[in-house]
Amino acid sequence: RTADPKATLTSIYDARVPVYQKADLS
């Protein structure tokens, strides 16, 4: 719920992917 939701999503994505990569399986 921001002025530029796609930019927000991209920012969240970039921050979270390195953590998701720690998952046991992909």
PDB file of all heavy atoms in Angstrom:
ATOM      1  N   ARG A   1       0.851  -1.192   0.000  1.00  0.00           N
ATOM      2  CA  ARG A   1       0.000   0.000   0.000  1.00  0.00           C
ATOM      3  C   ARG A   1       0.888   1.245   0.000  1.00  0.00           C
ATOM      4  O   ARG A   1       0.972   1.983   0.991  1.00  0.00           O
ATOM      5  CB  ARG A   1      -0.936  -0.030   1.203  1.00  0.00           C
ATOM      6  CG  ARG A   1      -1.989  -1.117   1.062  1.00  0.00           C
ATOM      7  CD  ARG A   1      -2.907  -1.196   2.238  1.00  0.00           C
ATOM      8  NE  ARG A   1      -3.921  -2.229   2.043  1.00  0.00           N
ATOM      9  CZ  ARG A   1      -4.716  -2.675   3.001  1.00  0.00           C
ATOM     10  NH1 ARG A   1      -4.620  -2.181   4.219  1.00  0.00           N
ATOM     11  NH2 ARG A   1      -5.591  -3.617   2.743  1.00  0.00           N
ATOM     12  N   THR A   2       1.576   1.440  -1.120  1.00  0.00           N
ATOM     13  CA  THR A   2       2.509   2.546  -1.273  1.00  0.00           C
ATOM     14  C   THR A   2       2.218   3.279  -2.577  1.00  0.00           C
ATOM     15  O   THR A   2       1.411   2.815  -3.386  1.00  0.00           O
ATOM     16  CB  THR A   2       3.970   2.025  -1.311  1.00  0.00           C
ATOM     17  OG1 THR A   2       4.134   1.189  -2.463  1.00  0.00           O
ATOM     18  CG2 THR A   2       4.317   1.232  -0.052  1.00  0.00           C
ATOM     19  N   ALA A   3       2.919   4.405  -2.793  1.00  0.00           N
ATOM     20  CA  ALA A   3       2.717   5.192  -4.017  1.00  0.00           C
ATOM     21  C   ALA A   3       3.168   4.431  -5.262  1.00  0.00           C
ATOM     22  O   ALA A   3       2.594   4.591  -6.336  1.00  0.00           O
ATOM     23  CB  ALA A   3       3.472   6.518  -3.907  1.00  0.00           C
ATOM     24  N   ASP A   4       4.191   3.588  -5.114  1.00  0.00           N
ATOM     25  CA  ASP A   4       4.714   2.813  -6.247  1.00  0.00           C
ATOM     26  C   ASP A   4       4.840   1.349  -5.815  1.00  0.00           C
ATOM     27  O   ASP A   4       5.918   0.888  -5.444  1.00  0.00           O
ATOM     28  CB  ASP A   4       6.072   3.379  -6.678  1.00  0.00           C
ATOM     29  CG  ASP A   4       6.582   2.725  -7.967  1.00  0.00           C
ATOM     30  OD1 ASP A   4       6.016   1.697  -8.395  1.00  0.00           O
ATOM     31  OD2 ASP A   4       7.552   3.266  -8.544  1.00  0.00           O
ATOM     32  N   PRO A   5       3.724   0.614  -5.862  1.00  0.00           N
ATOM     33  CA  PRO A   5       3.747  -0.753  -5.333  1.00  0.00           C
ATOM     34  C   PRO A   5       4.720  -1.683  -6.047  1.00  0.00           C
ATOM     35  O   PRO A   5       5.305  -2.564  -5.416  1.00  0.00           O
ATOM     36  CB  PRO A   5       2.297  -1.238  -5.471  1.00  0.00           C
ATOM     37  CG  PRO A   5       1.592  -0.244  -6.307  1.00  0.00           C
ATOM     38  CD  PRO A   5       2.378   1.024  -6.289  1.00  0.00           C
ATOM     39  N   LYS A   6       4.938  -1.494  -7.365  1.00  0.00           N
ATOM     40  CA  LYS A   6       5.885  -2.386  -8.046  1.00  0.00           C
ATOM     41  C   LYS A   6       7.308  -2.141  -7.557  1.00  0.00           C
ATOM     42  O   LYS A   6       8.072  -3.089  -7.337  1.00  0.00           O
ATOM     43  CB  LYS A   6       5.823  -2.236  -9.569  1.00  0.00           C
ATOM     44  CG  LYS A   6       6.702  -3.294 -10.242  1.00  0.00           C
ATOM     45  CD  LYS A   6       6.594  -3.337 -11.742  1.00  0.00           C
ATOM     46  CE  LYS A   6       7.439  -4.494 -12.283  1.00  0.00           C
ATOM     47  NZ  LYS A   6       7.468  -4.524 -13.742  1.00  0.00           N
ATOM     48  N   ALA A   7       7.672  -0.881  -7.360  1.00  0.00           N
ATOM     49  CA  ALA A   7       8.998  -0.577  -6.819  1.00  0.00           C
ATOM     50  C   ALA A   7       9.138  -1.144  -5.404  1.00  0.00           C
ATOM     51  O   ALA A   7      10.198  -1.666  -5.031  1.00  0.00           O
ATOM     52  CB  ALA A   7       9.239   0.928  -6.811  1.00  0.00           C
ATOM     53  N   THR A   8       8.068  -1.062  -4.622  1.00  0.00           N
ATOM     54  CA  THR A   8       8.080  -1.622  -3.266  1.00  0.00           C
ATOM     55  C   THR A   8       8.253  -3.130  -3.316  1.00  0.00           C
ATOM     56  O   THR A   8       9.069  -3.700  -2.581  1.00  0.00           O
ATOM     57  CB  THR A   8       6.770  -1.261  -2.526  1.00  0.00           C
ATOM     58  OG1 THR A   8       6.625   0.153  -2.506  1.00  0.00           O
ATOM     59  CG2 THR A   8       6.779  -1.791  -1.103  1.00  0.00           C
ATOM     60  N   LEU A   9       7.503  -3.773  -4.206  1.00  0.00           N
ATOM     61  CA  LEU A   9       7.611  -5.226  -4.355  1.00  0.00           C
ATOM     62  C   LEU A   9       9.036  -5.619  -4.754  1.00  0.00           C
ATOM     63  O   LEU A   9       9.604  -6.563  -4.210  1.00  0.00           O
ATOM     64  CB  LEU A   9       6.613  -5.724  -5.400  1.00  0.00           C
ATOM     65  CG  LEU A   9       6.596  -7.245  -5.643  1.00  0.00           C
ATOM     66  CD1 LEU A   9       6.043  -7.983  -4.430  1.00  0.00           C
ATOM     67  CD2 LEU A   9       5.780  -7.581  -6.887  1.00  0.00           C
ATOM     68  N   THR A  10       9.618  -4.872  -5.696  1.00  0.00           N
ATOM     69  CA  THR A  10      10.978  -5.161  -6.158  1.00  0.00           C
ATOM     70  C   THR A  10      11.977  -5.009  -5.023  1.00  0.00           C
ATOM     71  O   THR A  10      12.888  -5.835  -4.855  1.00  0.00           O
ATOM     72  CB  THR A  10      11.349  -4.233  -7.331  1.00  0.00           C
ATOM     73  OG1 THR A  10      10.398  -4.426  -8.385  1.00  0.00           O
ATOM     74  CG2 THR A  10      12.738  -4.537  -7.862  1.00  0.00           C
ATOM     75  N   SER A  11      11.802  -3.972  -4.218  1.00  0.00           N
ATOM     76  CA  SER A  11      12.689  -3.738  -3.078  1.00  0.00           C
ATOM     77  C   SER A  11      12.577  -4.873  -2.057  1.00  0.00           C
ATOM     78  O   SER A  11      13.588  -5.375  -1.549  1.00  0.00           O
ATOM     79  CB  SER A  11      12.328  -2.396  -2.433  1.00  0.00           C
ATOM     80  OG  SER A  11      13.066  -2.203  -1.263  1.00  0.00           O
ATOM     81  N   ILE A  12      11.344  -5.296  -1.762  1.00  0.00           N
ATOM     82  CA  ILE A  12      11.119  -6.410  -0.836  1.00  0.00           C
ATOM     83  C   ILE A  12      11.747  -7.685  -1.400  1.00  0.00           C
ATOM     84  O   ILE A  12      12.431  -8.433  -0.692  1.00  0.00           O
ATOM     85  CB  ILE A  12       9.605  -6.608  -0.582  1.00  0.00           C
ATOM     86  CG1 ILE A  12       9.019  -5.417   0.167  1.00  0.00           C
ATOM     87  CG2 ILE A  12       9.341  -7.904   0.192  1.00  0.00           C
ATOM     88  CD1 ILE A  12       7.496  -5.398   0.221  1.00  0.00           C
ATOM     89  N   TYR A  13      11.536  -7.909  -2.676  1.00  0.00           N
ATOM     90  CA  TYR A  13      12.075  -9.086  -3.364  1.00  0.00           C
ATOM     91  C   TYR A  13      13.602  -9.133  -3.241  1.00  0.00           C
ATOM     92  O   TYR A  13      14.186 -10.140  -2.853  1.00  0.00           O
ATOM     93  CB  TYR A  13      11.644  -9.049  -4.825  1.00  0.00           C
ATOM     94  CG  TYR A  13      12.160 -10.165  -5.699  1.00  0.00           C
ATOM     95  CD1 TYR A  13      11.468 -11.376  -5.785  1.00  0.00           C
ATOM     96  CD2 TYR A  13      13.325 -10.009  -6.451  1.00  0.00           C
ATOM     97  CE1 TYR A  13      11.931 -12.397  -6.600  1.00  0.00           C
ATOM     98  CE2 TYR A  13      13.786 -11.031  -7.268  1.00  0.00           C
ATOM     99  CZ  TYR A  13      13.087 -12.220  -7.330  1.00  0.00           C
ATOM    100  OH  TYR A  13      13.549 -13.226  -8.143  1.00  0.00           O
ATOM    101  N   ASP A  14      14.239  -8.011  -3.572  1.00  0.00           N
ATOM    102  CA  ASP A  14      15.704  -7.954  -3.532  1.00  0.00           C
ATOM    103  C   ASP A  14      16.237  -8.216  -2.126  1.00  0.00           C
ATOM    104  O   ASP A  14      17.281  -8.852  -1.956  1.00  0.00           O
ATOM    105  CB  ASP A  14      16.203  -6.590  -4.033  1.00  0.00           C
ATOM    106  CG  ASP A  14      15.968  -6.401  -5.529  1.00  0.00           C
ATOM    107  OD1 ASP A  14      15.742  -7.409  -6.237  1.00  0.00           O
ATOM    108  OD2 ASP A  14      15.993  -5.239  -5.989  1.00  0.00           O
ATOM    109  N   ALA A  15      15.523  -7.727  -1.109  1.00  0.00           N
ATOM    110  CA  ALA A  15      15.960  -7.920   0.274  1.00  0.00           C
ATOM    111  C   ALA A  15      15.729  -9.347   0.760  1.00  0.00           C
ATOM    112  O   ALA A  15      16.522  -9.880   1.542  1.00  0.00           O
ATOM    113  CB  ALA A  15      15.222  -6.933   1.186  1.00  0.00           C
ATOM    114  N   ARG A  16      14.659  -9.978   0.282  1.00  0.00           N
ATOM    115  CA  ARG A  16      14.280 -11.285   0.826  1.00  0.00           C
ATOM    116  C   ARG A  16      14.900 -12.482   0.120  1.00  0.00           C
ATOM    117  O   ARG A  16      15.097 -13.524   0.748  1.00  0.00           O
ATOM    118  CB  ARG A  16      12.752 -11.425   0.799  1.00  0.00           C
ATOM    119  CG  ARG A  16      12.060 -10.536   1.796  1.00  0.00           C
ATOM    120  CD  ARG A  16      10.557 -10.737   1.765  1.00  0.00           C
ATOM    121  NE  ARG A  16       9.889  -9.907   2.762  1.00  0.00           N
ATOM    122  CZ  ARG A  16       8.588  -9.893   2.963  1.00  0.00           C
ATOM    123  NH1 ARG A  16       7.795 -10.671   2.222  1.00  0.00           N
ATOM    124  NH2 ARG A  16       8.062  -9.113   3.893  1.00  0.00           N
ATOM    125  N   VAL A  17      15.197 -12.357  -1.166  1.00  0.00           N
ATOM    126  CA  VAL A  17      15.706 -13.510  -1.914  1.00  0.00           C
ATOM    127  C   VAL A  17      16.937 -14.151  -1.252  1.00  0.00           C
ATOM    128  O   VAL A  17      17.000 -15.382  -1.130  1.00  0.00           O
ATOM    129  CB  VAL A  17      15.956 -13.157  -3.398  1.00  0.00           C
ATOM    130  CG1 VAL A  17      16.853 -14.185  -4.078  1.00  0.00           C
ATOM    131  CG2 VAL A  17      14.619 -13.078  -4.134  1.00  0.00           C
ATOM    132  N   PRO A  18      17.921 -13.367  -0.773  1.00  0.00           N
ATOM    133  CA  PRO A  18      19.068 -14.011  -0.124  1.00  0.00           C
ATOM    134  C   PRO A  18      18.681 -14.848   1.099  1.00  0.00           C
ATOM    135  O   PRO A  18      19.346 -15.845   1.411  1.00  0.00           O
ATOM    136  CB  PRO A  18      19.957 -12.828   0.290  1.00  0.00           C
ATOM    137  CG  PRO A  18      19.582 -11.726  -0.643  1.00  0.00           C
ATOM    138  CD  PRO A  18      18.113 -11.906  -0.892  1.00  0.00           C
ATOM    139  N   VAL A  19      17.590 -14.473   1.766  1.00  0.00           N
ATOM    140  CA  VAL A  19      17.123 -15.257   2.917  1.00  0.00           C
ATOM    141  C   VAL A  19      16.378 -16.499   2.432  1.00  0.00           C
ATOM    142  O   VAL A  19      16.585 -17.607   2.949  1.00  0.00           O
ATOM    143  CB  VAL A  19      16.228 -14.409   3.843  1.00  0.00           C
ATOM    144  CG1 VAL A  19      15.783 -15.224   5.055  1.00  0.00           C
ATOM    145  CG2 VAL A  19      16.964 -13.147   4.288  1.00  0.00           C
ATOM    146  N   TYR A  20      15.519 -16.335   1.419  1.00  0.00           N
ATOM    147  CA  TYR A  20      14.807 -17.492   0.876  1.00  0.00           C
ATOM    148  C   TYR A  20      15.784 -18.543   0.347  1.00  0.00           C
ATOM    149  O   TYR A  20      15.488 -19.737   0.382  1.00  0.00           O
ATOM    150  CB  TYR A  20      13.861 -17.076  -0.257  1.00  0.00           C
ATOM    151  CG  TYR A  20      12.697 -16.202   0.155  1.00  0.00           C
ATOM    152  CD1 TYR A  20      12.232 -15.205  -0.697  1.00  0.00           C
ATOM    153  CD2 TYR A  20      12.048 -16.376   1.371  1.00  0.00           C
ATOM    154  CE1 TYR A  20      11.151 -14.404  -0.345  1.00  0.00           C
ATOM    155  CE2 TYR A  20      10.976 -15.572   1.728  1.00  0.00           C
ATOM    156  CZ  TYR A  20      10.531 -14.592   0.871  1.00  0.00           C
ATOM    157  OH  TYR A  20       9.466 -13.806   1.227  1.00  0.00           O
ATOM    158  N   GLN A  21      16.940 -18.099  -0.134  1.00  0.00           N
ATOM    159  CA  GLN A  21      17.932 -19.041  -0.657  1.00  0.00           C
ATOM    160  C   GLN A  21      18.470 -19.984   0.422  1.00  0.00           C
ATOM    161  O   GLN A  21      19.083 -21.001   0.108  1.00  0.00           O
ATOM    162  CB  GLN A  21      19.084 -18.276  -1.322  1.00  0.00           C
ATOM    163  CG  GLN A  21      18.678 -17.654  -2.642  1.00  0.00           C
ATOM    164  CD  GLN A  21      19.739 -16.723  -3.227  1.00  0.00           C
ATOM    165  OE1 GLN A  21      20.591 -16.197  -2.520  1.00  0.00           O
ATOM    166  NE2 GLN A  21      19.679 -16.513  -4.536  1.00  0.00           N
ATOM    167  N   LYS A  22      18.202 -19.664   1.677  1.00  0.00           N
ATOM    168  CA  LYS A  22      18.629 -20.527   2.791  1.00  0.00           C
ATOM    169  C   LYS A  22      17.661 -21.695   3.007  1.00  0.00           C
ATOM    170  O   LYS A  22      17.918 -22.558   3.853  1.00  0.00           O
ATOM    171  CB  LYS A  22      18.736 -19.714   4.083  1.00  0.00           C
ATOM    172  CG  LYS A  22      19.780 -18.617   4.035  1.00  0.00           C
ATOM    173  CD  LYS A  22      19.783 -17.828   5.335  1.00  0.00           C
ATOM    174  CE  LYS A  22      20.816 -16.700   5.272  1.00  0.00           C
ATOM    175  NZ  LYS A  22      20.857 -15.929   6.538  1.00  0.00           N
ATOM    176  N   ALA A  23      16.556 -21.709   2.286  1.00  0.00           N
ATOM    177  CA  ALA A  23      15.570 -22.790   2.442  1.00  0.00           C
ATOM    178  C   ALA A  23      16.191 -24.140   2.120  1.00  0.00           C
ATOM    179  O   ALA A  23      17.146 -24.236   1.347  1.00  0.00           O
ATOM    180  CB  ALA A  23      14.357 -22.528   1.542  1.00  0.00           C
ATOM    181  N   ASP A  24      15.629 -25.185   2.727  1.00  0.00           N
ATOM    182  CA  ASP A  24      16.148 -26.545   2.518  1.00  0.00           C
ATOM    183  C   ASP A  24      15.998 -26.997   1.073  1.00  0.00           C
ATOM    184  O   ASP A  24      16.861 -27.682   0.535  1.00  0.00           O
ATOM    185  CB  ASP A  24      15.409 -27.529   3.441  1.00  0.00           C
ATOM    186  CG  ASP A  24      15.568 -27.181   4.906  1.00  0.00           C
ATOM    187  OD1 ASP A  24      16.717 -27.013   5.351  1.00  0.00           O
ATOM    188  OD2 ASP A  24      14.531 -27.058   5.603  1.00  0.00           O
ATOM    189  N   LEU A  25      14.878 -26.629   0.458  1.00  0.00           N
ATOM    190  CA  LEU A  25      14.579 -27.050  -0.910  1.00  0.00           C
ATOM    191  C   LEU A  25      14.050 -25.852  -1.691  1.00  0.00           C
ATOM    192  O   LEU A  25      13.506 -24.911  -1.102  1.00  0.00           O
ATOM    193  CB  LEU A  25      13.528 -28.168  -0.911  1.00  0.00           C
ATOM    194  CG  LEU A  25      13.894 -29.450  -0.158  1.00  0.00           C
ATOM    195  CD1 LEU A  25      12.670 -30.338   0.024  1.00  0.00           C
ATOM    196  CD2 LEU A  25      14.998 -30.200  -0.882  1.00  0.00           C
ATOM    197  N   SER A  26      14.197 -25.900  -3.009  1.00  0.00           N
ATOM    198  CA  SER A  26      13.724 -24.807  -3.853  1.00  0.00           C
ATOM    199  C   SER A  26      13.023 -25.377  -5.085  1.00  0.00           C
ATOM    200  O   SER A  26      13.480 -26.364  -5.658  1.00  0.00           O
ATOM    201  CB  SER A  26      14.912 -23.945  -4.280  1.00  0.00           C
ATOM    202  OG  SER A  26      14.510 -22.961  -5.199  1.00  0.00           O
TER     203      SER A  26
END
